[in-house]
C-alpha atoms as a PDB file:
ATOM      1  CA  MET A   1     137.049  67.442  60.953  1.00  0.00           C
ATOM      2  CA  SER A   2     135.268  68.335  64.182  1.00  0.00           C
ATOM      3  CA  PHE A   3     135.419  66.126  67.252  1.00  0.00           C
ATOM      4  CA  ILE A   4     132.784  63.400  67.529  1.00  0.00           C
ATOM      5  CA  LEU A   5     131.869  62.119  70.990  1.00  0.00           C
ATOM      6  CA  HIS A   6     131.054  58.394  71.120  1.00  0.00           C
ATOM      7  CA  SER A   7     127.326  57.747  71.508  1.00  0.00           C
ATOM      8  CA  ASN A   8     127.878  55.888  74.818  1.00  0.00           C
ATOM      9  CA  LEU A   9     129.119  59.166  76.319  1.00  0.00           C
ATOM     10  CA  HIS A  10     126.220  61.332  75.122  1.00  0.00           C
ATOM     11  CA  SER A  11     124.244  60.772  78.342  1.00  0.00           C
ATOM     12  CA  LYS A  12     127.020  62.335  80.440  1.00  0.00           C
ATOM     13  CA  SER A  13     126.741  65.996  81.433  1.00  0.00           C
ATOM     14  CA  HIS A  14     129.306  68.348  79.931  1.00  0.00           C
ATOM     15  CA  VAL A  15     131.155  70.235  82.662  1.00  0.00           C
ATOM     16  CA  LEU A  16     133.810  72.163  80.723  1.00  0.00           C
ATOM     17  CA  ASP A  17     136.574  71.851  78.167  1.00  0.00           C
ATOM     18  CA  LEU A  18     140.230  71.849  79.113  1.00  0.00           C
ATOM     19  CA  GLU A  19     142.914  72.368  76.483  1.00  0.00           C
ATOM     20  CA  LEU A  20     142.881  68.704  75.395  1.00  0.00           C
ATOM     21  CA  CYS A  21     139.970  67.039  77.155  1.00  0.00           C
ATOM     22  CA  SER A  22     136.301  67.561  77.730  1.00  0.00           C
ATOM     23  CA  VAL A  23     135.245  66.942  81.318  1.00  0.00           C
ATOM     24  CA  LEU A  24     131.989  65.012  81.634  1.00  0.00           C
ATOM     25  CA  LEU A  25     129.968  64.129  84.741  1.00  0.00           C
ATOM     26  CA  GLU A  26     128.435  60.724  85.409  1.00  0.00           C
ATOM     27  CA  ASP A  27     124.925  61.178  86.802  1.00  0.00           C
ATOM     28  CA  ASN A  28     125.247  58.950  89.868  1.00  0.00           C
ATOM     29  CA  ARG A  29     124.730  60.218  93.431  1.00  0.00           C
ATOM     30  CA  TYR A  30     126.468  57.196  94.925  1.00  0.00           C
ATOM     31  CA  PHE A  31     129.815  58.011  93.350  1.00  0.00           C
ATOM     32  CA  PRO A  32     131.170  61.470  92.427  1.00  0.00           C
ATOM     33  CA  TRP A  33     132.498  60.556  88.979  1.00  0.00           C
ATOM     34  CA  ILE A  34     133.930  62.476  86.072  1.00  0.00           C
ATOM     35  CA  PHE A  35     135.499  61.549  82.755  1.00  0.00           C
ATOM     36  CA  LEU A  36     138.304  63.140  80.787  1.00  0.00           C
ATOM     37  CA  VAL A  37     137.754  62.657  77.056  1.00  0.00           C
ATOM     38  CA  PRO A  38     140.521  63.860  74.745  1.00  0.00           C
ATOM     39  CA  ARG A  39     138.901  65.763  71.883  1.00  0.00           C
ATOM     40  CA  LYS A  40     140.702  63.738  69.215  1.00  0.00           C
ATOM     41  CA  ASN A  41     138.909  61.448  66.775  1.00  0.00           C
ATOM     42  CA  ASN A  42     139.763  57.773  66.351  1.00  0.00           C
ATOM     43  CA  ILE A  43     141.666  57.491  69.646  1.00  0.00           C
ATOM     44  CA  LYS A  44     140.990  54.295  71.598  1.00  0.00           C
ATOM     45  CA  LYS A  45     144.015  53.998  73.873  1.00  0.00           C
ATOM     46  CA  ILE A  46     146.428  56.389  75.552  1.00  0.00           C
ATOM     47  CA  ILE A  47     149.202  55.138  73.263  1.00  0.00           C
ATOM     48  CA  ASP A  48     147.125  56.255  70.252  1.00  0.00           C
ATOM     49  CA  LEU A  49     147.826  59.857  71.301  1.00  0.00           C
ATOM     50  CA  ASN A  50     151.074  61.442  70.171  1.00  0.00           C
ATOM     51  CA  SER A  51     153.721  61.984  72.865  1.00  0.00           C
ATOM     52  CA  PHE A  52     152.794  65.626  73.430  1.00  0.00           C
ATOM     53  CA  ASP A  53     149.093  64.800  73.859  1.00  0.00           C
ATOM     54  CA  GLN A  54     149.920  61.885  76.176  1.00  0.00           C
ATOM     55  CA  GLN A  55     151.885  64.245  78.419  1.00  0.00           C
ATOM     56  CA  HIS A  56     149.108  66.809  78.298  1.00  0.00           C
ATOM     57  CA  LEU A  57     146.518  64.162  79.167  1.00  0.00           C
ATOM     58  CA  PHE A  58     148.493  63.305  82.299  1.00  0.00           C
ATOM     59  CA  LEU A  59     148.711  66.981  83.292  1.00  0.00           C
ATOM     60  CA  GLU A  60     144.948  67.301  82.918  1.00  0.00           C
ATOM     61  CA  LEU A  61     144.477  64.028  84.799  1.00  0.00           C
ATOM     62  CA  GLU A  62     146.587  65.385  87.667  1.00  0.00           C
ATOM     63  CA  LEU A  63     144.412  68.507  87.722  1.00  0.00           C
ATOM     64  CA  ALA A  64     141.200  66.465  87.618  1.00  0.00           C
ATOM     65  CA  GLN A  65     142.323  64.289  90.520  1.00  0.00           C
ATOM     66  CA  LYS A  66     143.173  67.359  92.611  1.00  0.00           C
ATOM     67  CA  VAL A  67     139.781  68.881  91.810  1.00  0.00           C
ATOM     68  CA  MET A  68     137.935  65.694  92.778  1.00  0.00           C
ATOM     69  CA  TRP A  69     140.009  65.336  95.960  1.00  0.00           C
ATOM     70  CA  ASN A  70     139.413  68.942  97.010  1.00  0.00           C
ATOM     71  CA  ILE A  71     135.684  69.019  96.311  1.00  0.00           C
ATOM     72  CA  PHE A  72     134.613  65.591  97.509  1.00  0.00           C
ATOM     73  CA  GLN A  73     137.319  64.739 100.096  1.00  0.00           C
ATOM     74  CA  PRO A  74     137.068  61.003  99.415  1.00  0.00           C
ATOM     75  CA  ASP A  75     138.924  58.146 101.062  1.00  0.00           C
ATOM     76  CA  GLN A  76     140.275  57.052  97.675  1.00  0.00           C
ATOM     77  CA  LEU A  77     140.278  58.043  94.015  1.00  0.00           C
ATOM     78  CA  ASN A  78     139.811  55.376  91.360  1.00  0.00           C
ATOM     79  CA  VAL A  79     141.313  56.221  87.967  1.00  0.00           C
ATOM     80  CA  ALA A  80     140.779  53.990  84.954  1.00  0.00           C
ATOM     81  CA  ALA A  81     140.910  54.005  81.173  1.00  0.00           C
ATOM     82  CA  ILE A  82     139.143  50.783  80.251  1.00  0.00           C
ATOM     83  CA  GLY A  83     137.301  51.194  76.953  1.00  0.00           C
ATOM     84  CA  ASN A  84     135.843  47.690  76.672  1.00  0.00           C
ATOM     85  CA  LYS A  85     132.308  48.933  75.975  1.00  0.00           C
ATOM     86  CA  THR A  86     133.104  52.453  74.772  1.00  0.00           C
ATOM     87  CA  PRO A  87     136.004  52.310  72.306  1.00  0.00           C
ATOM     88  CA  GLN A  88     136.845  56.006  72.557  1.00  0.00           C
ATOM     89  CA  LEU A  89     139.564  57.012  74.984  1.00  0.00           C
ATOM     90  CA  HIS A  90     138.000  58.287  78.191  1.00  0.00           C
ATOM     91  CA  VAL A  91     139.495  58.290  81.672  1.00  0.00           C
ATOM     92  CA  HIS A  92     137.286  57.725  84.704  1.00  0.00           C
ATOM     93  CA  ILE A  93     138.068  59.631  87.909  1.00  0.00           C
ATOM     94  CA  ILE A  94     135.815  58.352  90.694  1.00  0.00           C
ATOM     95  CA  ALA A  95     135.711  59.559  94.300  1.00  0.00           C
ATOM     96  CA  ARG A  96     135.289  56.583  96.622  1.00  0.00           C
ATOM     97  CA  TYR A  97     134.352  56.359 100.275  1.00  0.00           C
ATOM     98  CA  GLN A  98     134.690  53.470 102.689  1.00  0.00           C
ATOM     99  CA  ASN A  99     130.956  53.777 103.350  1.00  0.00           C
ATOM    100  CA  ASP A 100     129.838  53.916  99.695  1.00  0.00           C
ATOM    101  CA  PRO A 101     127.577  51.041  98.606  1.00  0.00           C
ATOM    102  CA  ALA A 102     130.215  49.349  96.427  1.00  0.00           C
ATOM    103  CA  TRP A 103     133.228  49.636  98.751  1.00  0.00           C
ATOM    104  CA  PRO A 104     135.737  47.990  98.512  1.00  0.00           C
ATOM    105  CA  ASN A 105     134.701  46.576  95.129  1.00  0.00           C
ATOM    106  CA  THR A 106     134.611  48.480  91.863  1.00  0.00           C
ATOM    107  CA  VAL A 107     131.693  50.733  90.976  1.00  0.00           C
ATOM    108  CA  TRP A 108     130.934  48.493  87.996  1.00  0.00           C
ATOM    109  CA  GLU A 109     130.097  45.635  90.371  1.00  0.00           C
ATOM    110  CA  PHE A 110     127.361  47.695  92.048  1.00  0.00           C
ATOM    111  CA  PRO A 111     124.056  47.363  90.183  1.00  0.00           C
ATOM    112  CA  GLY A 112     122.226  50.348  91.685  1.00  0.00           C
ATOM    113  CA  LYS A 113     122.209  53.921  90.512  1.00  0.00           C
ATOM    114  CA  ILE A 114     120.421  57.038  91.701  1.00  0.00           C
ATOM    115  CA  ASP A 115     120.639  60.121  89.502  1.00  0.00           C
ATOM    116  CA  TYR A 116     121.331  63.531  90.938  1.00  0.00           C
ATOM    117  CA  SER A 117     118.312  65.782  91.287  1.00  0.00           C
ATOM    118  CA  PRO A 118     118.508  68.656  88.778  1.00  0.00           C
ATOM    119  CA  LEU A 119     119.505  71.027  91.596  1.00  0.00           C
ATOM    120  CA  GLU A 120     122.186  68.648  92.926  1.00  0.00           C
ATOM    121  CA  LYS A 121     123.629  68.134  89.443  1.00  0.00           C
ATOM    122  CA  GLU A 122     123.742  71.880  88.821  1.00  0.00           C
ATOM    123  CA  LYS A 123     125.523  72.389  92.157  1.00  0.00           C
ATOM    124  CA  VAL A 124     128.103  69.664  91.408  1.00  0.00           C
ATOM    125  CA  ILE A 125     128.782  71.056  87.925  1.00  0.00           C
ATOM    126  CA  LYS A 126     129.208  74.593  89.309  1.00  0.00           C
ATOM    127  CA  SER A 127     131.611  73.318  91.982  1.00  0.00           C
ATOM    128  CA  LEU A 128     133.627  71.395  89.403  1.00  0.00           C
ATOM    129  CA  ARG A 129     133.830  74.379  87.051  1.00  0.00           C
ATOM    130  CA  ALA A 130     134.928  76.690  89.849  1.00  0.00           C
ATOM    131  CA  SER A 131     137.545  74.272  91.136  1.00  0.00           C
ATOM    132  CA  PHE A 132     138.979  73.589  87.668  1.00  0.00           C
ATOM    133  CA  SER A 133     139.207  77.357  87.130  1.00  0.00           C
ATOM    134  CA  GLU A 134     140.918  77.952  90.479  1.00  0.00           C
ATOM    135  CA  ASN A 135     143.385  75.100  89.984  1.00  0.00           C
ATOM    136  CA  SER A 136     144.240  75.463  86.286  1.00  0.00           C
ATOM    137  CA  PHE A 137     147.857  75.274  85.146  1.00  0.00           C
END
């Protein structure tokens, strides 16, 4: 059975596939924001993954955090696996700045959103791909 991405994640831009996870980009200029989505069906929580996949998820999460830190040089990284509205395991990695419009609150409390221009989105995706390639295990 091939992997099925939850419909709530279809609007995200595909960046690349790691060994376990797909990396997706949230289209929001206010907050550099990616998702790791393990390509396993019927997985809602981290504990639904077997032990090997849980360990691999955390290796890929470490890599993703380093990539986000290196590219965006934020003041903080927010990492969350919530799943209340999208019941497919996905981990948010969000670069935060003390001068971003939601600081110090969560990004979900901020009602505004501005999409990247097509050129900006292409540039961000290229930077992410290059950094993941340079920093792979």
